[in-house]
Protein backbone atom coordinates (compact mmCIF):
# COMPACT_ATOMS: atom_id res chain seq x y z
CA MET A 1 119.00 81.50 100.28
CA LYS A 2 117.49 84.46 97.64
CA LEU A 3 115.34 82.24 96.50
CA LEU A 4 113.90 81.41 100.25
CA PHE A 5 113.61 85.43 100.91
CA THR A 6 112.07 86.37 97.00
CA PHE A 7 109.22 83.13 98.18
CA LEU A 8 109.15 85.30 101.50
CA LEU A 9 108.37 88.50 99.86
CA SER A 10 106.44 87.55 97.64
CA ILE A 11 103.19 89.11 98.05
CA THR A 12 99.53 90.51 96.36
CA PHE A 13 99.71 93.68 94.35
CA LEU A 14 97.27 96.41 95.00
CA PHE A 15 94.45 97.59 93.86
CA ALA A 16 91.74 100.52 94.44
CA ALA A 17 88.33 99.41 94.49
CA ASP A 18 85.12 99.28 96.58
CA ALA A 19 85.05 96.88 99.49
CA THR A 20 82.97 93.57 98.80
CA LEU A 21 81.11 90.91 100.66
CA GLU A 22 81.38 87.59 101.09
CA ILE A 23 78.14 85.84 102.82
CA ASN A 24 78.34 81.92 102.94
CA LYS A 25 74.85 82.46 105.73
CA LYS A 26 71.49 83.32 105.36
CA ILE A 27 70.77 86.97 107.05
CA ASP A 28 66.98 87.07 106.26
CA ALA A 29 66.02 86.25 110.10
CA TYR A 30 68.50 89.21 111.33
CA SER A 31 66.90 92.39 112.54
CA SER A 32 67.30 94.85 110.60
CA PHE A 33 70.05 98.07 111.68
CA GLY A 34 69.93 101.64 110.17
CA VAL A 35 72.23 104.83 110.82
CA GLU A 36 71.83 108.27 110.74
CA ASP A 37 73.80 110.85 110.53
CA SER A 38 72.44 113.39 112.86
CA SER A 39 74.97 115.85 112.67
CA THR A 40 74.70 119.76 113.13
CA GLN A 41 76.77 120.41 110.41
CA ARG A 42 77.14 117.85 107.98
CA SER A 43 80.26 117.61 106.33
CA ASP A 44 81.90 115.00 103.99
CA LEU A 45 84.08 113.74 107.24
CA SER A 46 80.48 113.73 108.91
CA LYS A 47 79.54 111.31 105.75
CA LYS A 48 83.01 109.43 105.82
CA PHE A 49 82.09 108.49 109.34
CA TYR A 50 78.87 107.25 108.39
CA ARG A 51 80.62 104.84 105.84
CA SER A 52 82.65 103.70 108.63
CA LEU A 53 80.10 103.00 111.22
CA VAL A 54 77.51 100.84 108.19
CA ALA A 55 80.64 99.01 107.04
CA ASP A 56 81.47 98.13 110.94
CA ILE A 57 77.92 97.23 111.91
CA ASN A 58 77.95 94.95 109.20
CA VAL A 59 81.32 92.66 109.92
CA LEU A 60 79.32 92.36 113.65
CA SER A 61 77.11 89.81 111.73
CA LEU A 62 74.24 90.79 114.05
CA PHE A 63 71.91 92.31 111.70
CA ASN A 64 70.82 93.05 108.30
CA VAL A 65 72.22 96.46 107.86
CA ASP A 66 70.45 99.27 105.25
CA LYS A 67 73.01 101.04 103.71
CA HIS A 68 70.95 104.22 102.40
CA TYR A 69 72.63 107.23 103.32
CA PHE A 70 69.71 109.40 106.14
CA THR A 71 69.73 112.27 108.14
CA SER A 72 67.95 113.54 110.76
CA ASP A 73 67.44 115.95 114.21
CA PHE A 74 69.93 114.21 116.80
CA ASP A 75 67.69 115.67 120.20
CA SER A 76 64.52 114.83 118.59
CA ASN A 77 63.74 110.61 119.63
CA SER A 78 62.20 111.19 116.40
CA ILE A 79 63.93 108.87 113.48
CA ASN A 80 63.56 109.42 109.48
CA VAL A 81 60.20 107.86 107.57
CA GLU A 82 62.58 105.93 105.37
CA ASN A 83 63.80 104.40 108.40
CA LYS A 84 59.94 103.56 110.86
CA LYS A 85 60.35 100.27 109.48
CA LEU A 86 64.30 98.73 110.74
CA ASN A 87 64.03 96.99 114.22
CA TYR A 88 67.28 99.43 115.27
CA VAL A 89 68.43 102.71 114.31
CA LEU A 90 71.61 104.65 115.37
CA LYS A 91 71.36 108.16 115.64
CA PHE A 92 74.94 110.27 115.67
CA ASP A 93 76.25 113.34 115.89
CA LEU A 94 79.94 114.69 115.05
CA ILE A 95 81.55 117.36 116.24
CA SER A 96 84.55 119.09 115.06
CA ASN A 97 86.31 121.58 117.22
CA ASP A 98 89.24 123.69 115.97
CA ASN A 99 91.78 122.14 117.14
CA GLN A 100 91.31 119.17 115.31
CA SER A 101 89.36 117.03 118.34
CA LEU A 102 85.99 115.45 118.20
CA LEU A 103 83.69 114.94 120.26
CA ILE A 104 80.71 111.63 118.82
CA LYS A 105 77.62 110.93 120.59
CA ILE A 106 75.00 108.57 119.67
CA LYS A 107 71.51 107.13 120.43
CA LEU A 108 70.80 104.00 119.90
CA MET A 109 67.04 103.58 119.10
CA GLU A 110 64.93 100.76 118.63
CA LEU A 111 60.68 101.53 118.18
CA GLY A 112 61.21 105.48 119.20
CA GLU A 113 63.01 104.51 122.41
CA VAL A 114 66.77 105.09 123.66
CA ARG A 115 68.68 102.15 124.33
CA LEU A 116 71.47 103.33 124.45
CA ASP A 117 73.44 106.79 125.24
CA LYS A 118 76.99 107.35 125.13
CA SER A 119 79.16 109.86 123.66
CA TYR A 120 82.69 109.68 122.69
CA LYS A 121 86.23 111.76 122.26
CA ILE A 122 89.50 111.57 120.07
CA SER A 123 92.28 114.37 120.41
CA LYS A 124 93.20 114.05 116.10
CA SER A 125 90.28 113.58 113.63
CA LYS A 126 91.55 111.99 111.10
CA MET A 127 91.57 108.50 113.08
CA TYR A 128 87.52 108.64 113.69
CA VAL A 129 88.06 105.11 112.06
CA PHE A 130 88.33 103.50 115.60
CA VAL A 131 85.58 105.69 117.07
CA ALA A 132 83.97 104.35 114.62
CA HIS A 133 85.32 100.98 115.92
CA ALA A 134 84.63 101.56 119.59
CA ILE A 135 80.52 102.42 118.85
CA ALA A 136 80.76 99.52 116.74
CA SER A 137 82.29 96.94 119.78
CA ASP A 138 79.97 98.26 122.70
CA ILE A 139 77.14 97.67 120.63
CA ASN A 140 78.16 94.37 119.75
CA ASP A 141 78.27 94.65 123.30
CA HIS A 142 74.94 95.97 124.31
CA PHE A 143 73.19 92.77 122.43
CA GLY A 144 75.92 90.55 124.96
CA ALA A 145 76.90 89.16 121.78
CA PRO A 146 80.75 87.69 121.81
CA SER A 147 83.34 90.71 122.01
CA VAL A 148 84.74 91.89 119.16
CA ASP A 149 87.75 94.06 120.95
CA TRP A 150 90.21 92.60 117.74
CA MET A 151 88.34 96.43 115.72
CA LYS A 152 89.24 98.24 117.60
CA GLY A 153 92.94 96.97 117.57
CA LYS A 154 95.64 98.46 115.04
CA ILE A 155 97.36 96.26 111.76
CA ILE A 156 100.94 96.67 111.15
CA LEU A 157 102.18 96.32 108.04
CA SER A 158 105.40 96.42 105.58
CA ARG A 159 104.41 98.17 102.36
CA LEU A 160 106.88 97.64 99.73
CA THR A 161 106.84 100.87 97.29
CA LYS A 162 109.91 100.09 94.81
CA PRO A 163 112.96 97.63 94.38
CA GLY A 164 115.08 97.53 98.00
CA ASN A 165 112.28 99.77 99.81
CA SER A 166 109.83 99.66 101.92
CA GLN A 167 107.43 101.60 104.39
CA ILE A 168 106.05 100.14 107.78
CA LEU A 169 103.03 101.55 108.42
CA VAL A 170 100.12 101.11 111.52
CA THR A 171 96.36 101.16 110.09
CA ASP A 172 93.14 99.88 110.94
CA TYR A 173 91.79 96.91 110.23
CA SER A 174 89.42 98.55 107.58
CA LEU A 175 92.53 100.08 106.31
CA THR A 176 90.78 103.53 106.09
CA TYR A 177 93.78 105.20 108.46
CA GLN A 178 96.79 104.41 107.74
CA HIS A 179 100.24 106.35 109.28
CA VAL A 180 104.22 105.40 108.18
CA ILE A 181 106.02 105.11 111.54
CA ILE A 182 109.24 103.59 109.01
CA ASN A 183 110.17 105.09 106.30
CA GLY A 184 112.70 104.81 104.04
CA GLY A 185 115.29 100.98 103.35
CA LEU A 186 114.21 97.29 103.47
CA ASN A 187 112.63 96.94 106.09
CA VAL A 188 110.04 93.81 106.20
CA PHE A 189 108.02 91.18 108.61
CA PRO A 190 106.38 93.52 111.44
CA LYS A 191 105.28 92.12 114.50
CA TRP A 192 103.92 93.41 117.11
CA ALA A 193 105.66 92.92 120.54
CA ASN A 194 102.81 92.60 123.09
CA LYS A 195 98.86 92.84 123.31
CA GLU A 196 98.98 96.85 123.89
CA GLN A 197 100.76 97.29 120.77
CA SER A 198 103.13 99.75 122.30
CA ALA A 199 106.08 98.24 120.58
CA PHE A 200 106.77 95.83 117.34
CA TYR A 201 109.71 94.36 116.15
CA PHE A 202 110.80 94.47 112.00
CA THR A 203 113.99 93.47 110.69
CA ALA A 204 116.25 95.08 108.30
CA LEU A 205 117.63 93.54 104.95
CA ASP A 206 119.57 96.83 104.25
CA THR A 207 121.54 95.64 106.41
CA LEU A 208 125.28 94.25 106.77
CA ARG A 209 123.09 91.34 107.96
CA PRO A 210 119.72 90.75 108.22
CA THR A 211 118.95 92.60 111.67
CA LEU A 212 115.68 92.52 114.43
CA PHE A 213 115.30 95.35 115.87
CA LYS A 214 112.38 96.75 118.43
CA VAL A 215 110.13 99.24 117.98
CA ASP A 216 108.48 102.01 120.93
CA VAL A 217 105.46 103.41 118.64
CA ARG A 218 105.08 106.45 121.08
CA SER A 219 108.93 107.18 121.30
CA GLY A 220 110.15 105.74 117.85
CA ASN A 221 112.83 104.75 119.50
CA LYS A 222 114.46 101.71 117.49
CA THR A 223 117.06 99.19 119.32
CA LYS A 224 119.27 96.07 117.93
CA VAL A 225 117.55 92.95 119.06
CA VAL A 226 119.60 90.24 117.58
CA ASP A 227 120.82 89.82 113.82
CA SER A 228 122.40 86.39 111.91
CA ASP A 229 123.80 85.38 108.30
CA GLY A 230 121.24 84.13 106.54
CA MET A 231 117.92 85.02 107.87
CA MET A 232 116.29 86.92 110.07
CA ILE A 233 112.51 86.95 111.10
CA CYS A 234 110.10 86.86 114.60
CA SER A 235 107.70 84.92 113.36
CA ASP A 236 105.58 85.31 116.71
CA VAL A 237 105.77 86.60 120.24
CA ASN A 238 104.07 84.30 123.49
CA SER A 239 101.12 85.81 125.19
CA ASP A 240 103.11 88.13 128.11
CA GLY A 241 105.72 88.97 125.46
CA SER A 242 108.32 86.86 126.61
CA LYS A 243 108.94 85.09 123.97
CA LEU A 244 109.73 85.02 120.45
CA LEU A 245 110.15 82.83 117.83
CA LEU A 246 112.62 83.11 115.28
CA THR A 247 113.47 81.92 112.01
CA MET A 248 117.66 81.66 111.94
CA ALA A 249 119.71 80.64 108.69
CA PRO A 250 123.38 80.96 110.41
CA ASP A 251 124.65 78.42 107.85
CA ASP A 252 122.16 78.22 105.57
CA GLN A 253 119.90 76.37 106.73
CA PRO A 254 116.76 78.03 107.29
CA ASP A 255 115.30 77.42 111.41
CA ILE A 256 113.11 78.09 115.03
CA TYR A 257 114.68 79.71 117.56
CA LEU A 258 113.16 80.71 120.49
CA TYR A 259 114.37 83.90 121.96
CA ASP A 260 114.06 84.82 125.60
CA VAL A 261 113.27 88.29 125.67
CA ASN A 262 114.45 89.04 129.47
CA SER A 263 117.65 86.97 129.14
CA GLN A 264 118.54 87.98 125.53
CA THR A 265 119.14 84.24 124.49
CA LYS A 266 117.98 82.38 122.34
CA GLU A 267 117.63 78.11 122.09
CA ARG A 268 117.60 76.58 118.41
CA LEU A 269 114.01 74.17 118.22
CA THR A 270 114.08 72.63 114.86
CA SER A 271 117.29 71.01 113.01
CA TYR A 272 116.84 69.53 110.18
CA SER A 273 118.78 69.92 106.51
CA GLY A 274 116.14 71.45 104.87
CA ILE A 275 113.77 74.52 105.15
CA ASP A 276 111.64 75.07 108.98
CA VAL A 277 110.41 78.81 109.26
CA SER A 278 107.58 80.06 110.62
CA GLY A 279 106.91 79.38 113.81
CA GLN A 280 103.44 79.58 115.07
CA PHE A 281 103.13 78.88 119.47
CA MET A 282 100.43 77.01 120.24
CA GLU A 283 99.14 75.16 123.74
CA ASP A 284 100.85 73.25 125.75
CA GLU A 285 104.69 74.56 125.07
CA THR A 286 103.99 72.78 121.29
CA ILE A 287 105.27 75.30 118.58
CA ALA A 288 103.20 74.61 114.95
CA PHE A 289 105.06 75.58 112.12
CA VAL A 290 106.00 74.93 108.03
CA SER A 291 108.70 72.62 106.63
CA ASN A 292 109.48 70.77 103.57
CA ARG A 293 110.21 67.64 105.15
CA LEU A 294 107.77 65.60 102.89
CA GLY A 295 109.59 67.16 99.65
CA TYR A 296 106.78 70.30 99.66
CA PRO A 297 105.74 72.69 102.16
CA ASN A 298 103.00 71.43 105.09
CA ILE A 299 102.40 71.96 108.05
CA PHE A 300 103.95 70.23 111.32
CA SER A 301 104.17 70.66 115.23
CA LYS A 302 106.56 69.81 118.10
CA LYS A 303 106.89 70.25 122.12
CA ILE A 304 109.44 72.75 122.64
CA GLY A 305 112.41 70.76 124.48
CA SER A 306 111.56 67.66 122.20
CA SER A 307 112.75 66.32 119.03
CA ALA A 308 110.09 64.39 118.15
CA VAL A 309 108.12 66.00 115.32
CA GLU A 310 103.85 65.77 114.27
CA GLN A 311 102.35 66.31 110.30
CA LEU A 312 99.65 68.57 111.63
CA VAL A 313 98.01 68.86 107.54
CA TYR A 314 96.89 65.86 105.71
CA TYR A 315 95.15 68.10 102.88
CA GLY A 316 96.63 70.10 100.31
CA LYS A 317 99.85 70.71 98.73
CA SER A 318 102.73 73.86 99.02
CA ASN A 319 101.06 74.54 102.79
CA ALA A 320 103.17 77.23 103.30
CA SER A 321 101.61 79.89 105.67
CA CYS A 322 99.84 79.36 108.90
CA SER A 323 98.77 81.01 111.93
CA ALA A 324 97.32 79.27 115.57
CA HIS A 325 94.90 79.75 118.09
CA ASN A 326 95.04 77.49 121.28
CA GLU A 327 94.55 73.87 118.99
CA TYR A 328 92.95 75.23 115.94
CA ILE A 329 95.56 75.96 112.88
CA VAL A 330 94.53 77.79 109.63
CA TYR A 331 96.74 77.42 106.63
CA LYS A 332 96.81 78.65 102.75
CA ALA A 333 97.02 75.26 100.69
CA ARG A 334 97.74 75.40 96.79
CA GLU A 335 94.39 73.58 95.15
CA SER A 336 95.17 73.68 91.80
CA SER A 337 98.72 73.03 89.56
CA ASN A 338 98.36 75.05 86.36
CA ALA A 339 101.71 75.65 84.38
CA PHE A 340 99.50 78.28 81.85
CA SER A 341 97.40 79.74 84.87
CA ARG A 342 96.85 81.39 88.12
CA ASN A 343 96.70 78.24 90.40
CA THR A 344 94.12 78.80 93.68
CA PHE A 345 95.13 78.80 97.49
CA ASN A 346 92.73 78.74 99.67
CA LEU A 347 92.79 78.50 103.95
CA HIS A 348 91.22 75.70 105.71
CA LEU A 349 91.26 75.37 109.34
CA ILE A 350 91.99 72.60 111.40
CA SER A 351 92.07 71.42 115.27
CA THR A 352 94.48 69.18 116.29
CA LYS A 353 92.28 67.21 118.96
CA THR A 354 89.64 66.44 116.25
CA ASP A 355 89.17 65.13 112.56
CA PHE A 356 87.94 68.55 112.17
CA ILE A 357 88.91 70.43 108.22
CA ARG A 358 87.75 73.15 107.02
CA ARG A 359 87.53 75.65 103.91
CA LEU A 360 86.95 78.96 104.69
CA THR A 361 87.86 80.40 101.57
CA ALA A 362 86.54 79.67 97.84
CA THR A 363 88.41 81.33 94.95
CA GLY A 364 91.75 82.98 93.73
CA LEU A 365 95.01 83.06 96.03
CA ASN A 366 93.73 83.90 99.38
CA GLU A 367 96.94 83.95 102.02
CA PHE A 368 98.84 85.42 105.24
CA PRO A 369 96.36 84.21 107.57
CA ARG A 370 96.15 85.97 111.13
CA PHE A 371 94.57 84.94 113.63
CA SER A 372 93.16 87.60 116.18
CA HIS A 373 94.08 86.91 120.42
CA ASP A 374 90.70 85.98 121.03
CA GLY A 375 90.27 83.59 117.98
CA ASP A 376 87.56 85.58 116.69
CA ALA A 377 88.36 86.29 113.26
CA ILE A 378 91.28 85.97 110.40
CA LEU A 379 92.89 88.21 109.05
CA PHE A 380 94.39 87.54 105.67
CA ILE A 381 95.48 88.49 102.19
CA LYS A 382 93.31 88.07 98.96
CA ASN A 383 94.21 88.38 95.09
CA TYR A 384 91.87 87.56 93.20
CA LYS A 385 91.42 88.79 89.18
CA GLN A 386 93.71 91.18 89.41
CA GLN A 387 92.52 92.58 92.70
CA SER A 388 94.25 92.83 96.11
CA SER A 389 91.99 93.13 99.91
CA ILE A 390 92.24 92.22 103.16
CA GLY A 391 90.04 89.89 103.81
CA ILE A 392 88.58 89.28 107.17
CA ILE A 393 86.70 86.22 107.95
CA ARG A 394 84.65 85.82 110.94
CA LEU A 395 84.94 82.41 111.78
CA LYS A 396 81.38 81.64 114.09
CA HIS A 397 78.93 83.55 111.16
CA ASN A 398 80.31 82.23 108.59
CA LYS A 399 81.81 85.51 106.80
CA ASN A 400 84.59 86.82 104.24
CA PHE A 401 84.65 90.72 104.33
CA LEU A 402 87.22 92.15 102.05
CA PHE A 403 88.30 95.89 101.62
CA PRO A 404 91.13 97.04 98.97
CA LEU A 405 94.72 97.58 99.28
CA ARG A 406 95.19 101.04 97.68
CA VAL A 407 98.54 101.62 97.13
CA GLY A 408 101.68 99.54 97.02
CA LYS A 409 102.06 96.21 97.53
CA ILE A 410 101.99 94.45 101.19
CA GLN A 411 104.25 92.25 102.09
CA SER A 412 103.43 90.86 105.44
CA MET A 413 101.51 92.19 108.23
CA ASP A 414 100.39 91.35 111.99
CA TRP A 415 97.41 92.49 114.71
């Protein structure tokens, strides 16, 4: 059991680096887009806000974004002469108040005409990046593109700081904002409890038995949910937050359990002499999970209430992690086996309704994939050449965006 926990706890070393971008689709035909800092009092904060906006507009994957920093007068509808050639220019005025609140005004310009004019307020200036995400989402909606509401949400992650010690942080998808919400002890596998992100679950490993707790984000109140000998992990929460999929091993045999939040009862869903872990909700009362039934980790599914188990993945070895959205499964597969160097683990996307299979990454160690709630994007961790990053895959645009993990070692995450 210690070996199994070691396997589940093993994830990336983190190093500081600039955010990078992998593009697998031509963008020459995209409209050009620039951002101008039109703040009356320009500062380090307005420059940081500019960089966040540029990064977010880039992630939208709708435009060819110019990354040169230019300034202009917000009250004037004229733009910097260097941006005259661009199709669109976004001007922003960032106003910082003494009470640390921010007012941000924007104008989206097209050929000298204002196409979008809006203001945003936030009470804490340190959370400025969420305003940038909201602006990018509104621009996306303005052009009628599919929703990117996941941009405005928060990520929760466990960061190992030293042996036997971890922190649970709330952050944005680009890791620009970071807030430590639980510090001290070995607390791992955080999972949002609902779509509103008002509460989350996590596993405490420094208690007498592995214990699942629920934490209210606003109050900080922590409530014990359930404990078990051997193992206790919440791997997924259903859409309305009423059901959990737990991995438990009360008899040293890890299996998947369904936990009813309202009745506080649990039902064993798998019973196998080997390893069944990491359950994920799918459509039609079906779950996907990882099992070593073939002698190596692979992805299987079963209907709740049925004993029949179906193999989902026929490509790759050591398929040790997965995430599900409707009929789609994203999973990690080992694509090399070299005893003298690092192996390659890539992410693949499959459909349970067709023979469709698509490789999403190409190099390095790519792991811990997580679908956004709308299925538009996938969050993952990438390790390559001594650099670790959080990755975002825009599935419809065939683009991968990478953001660096600067401090500590990420154990697991959810969004």
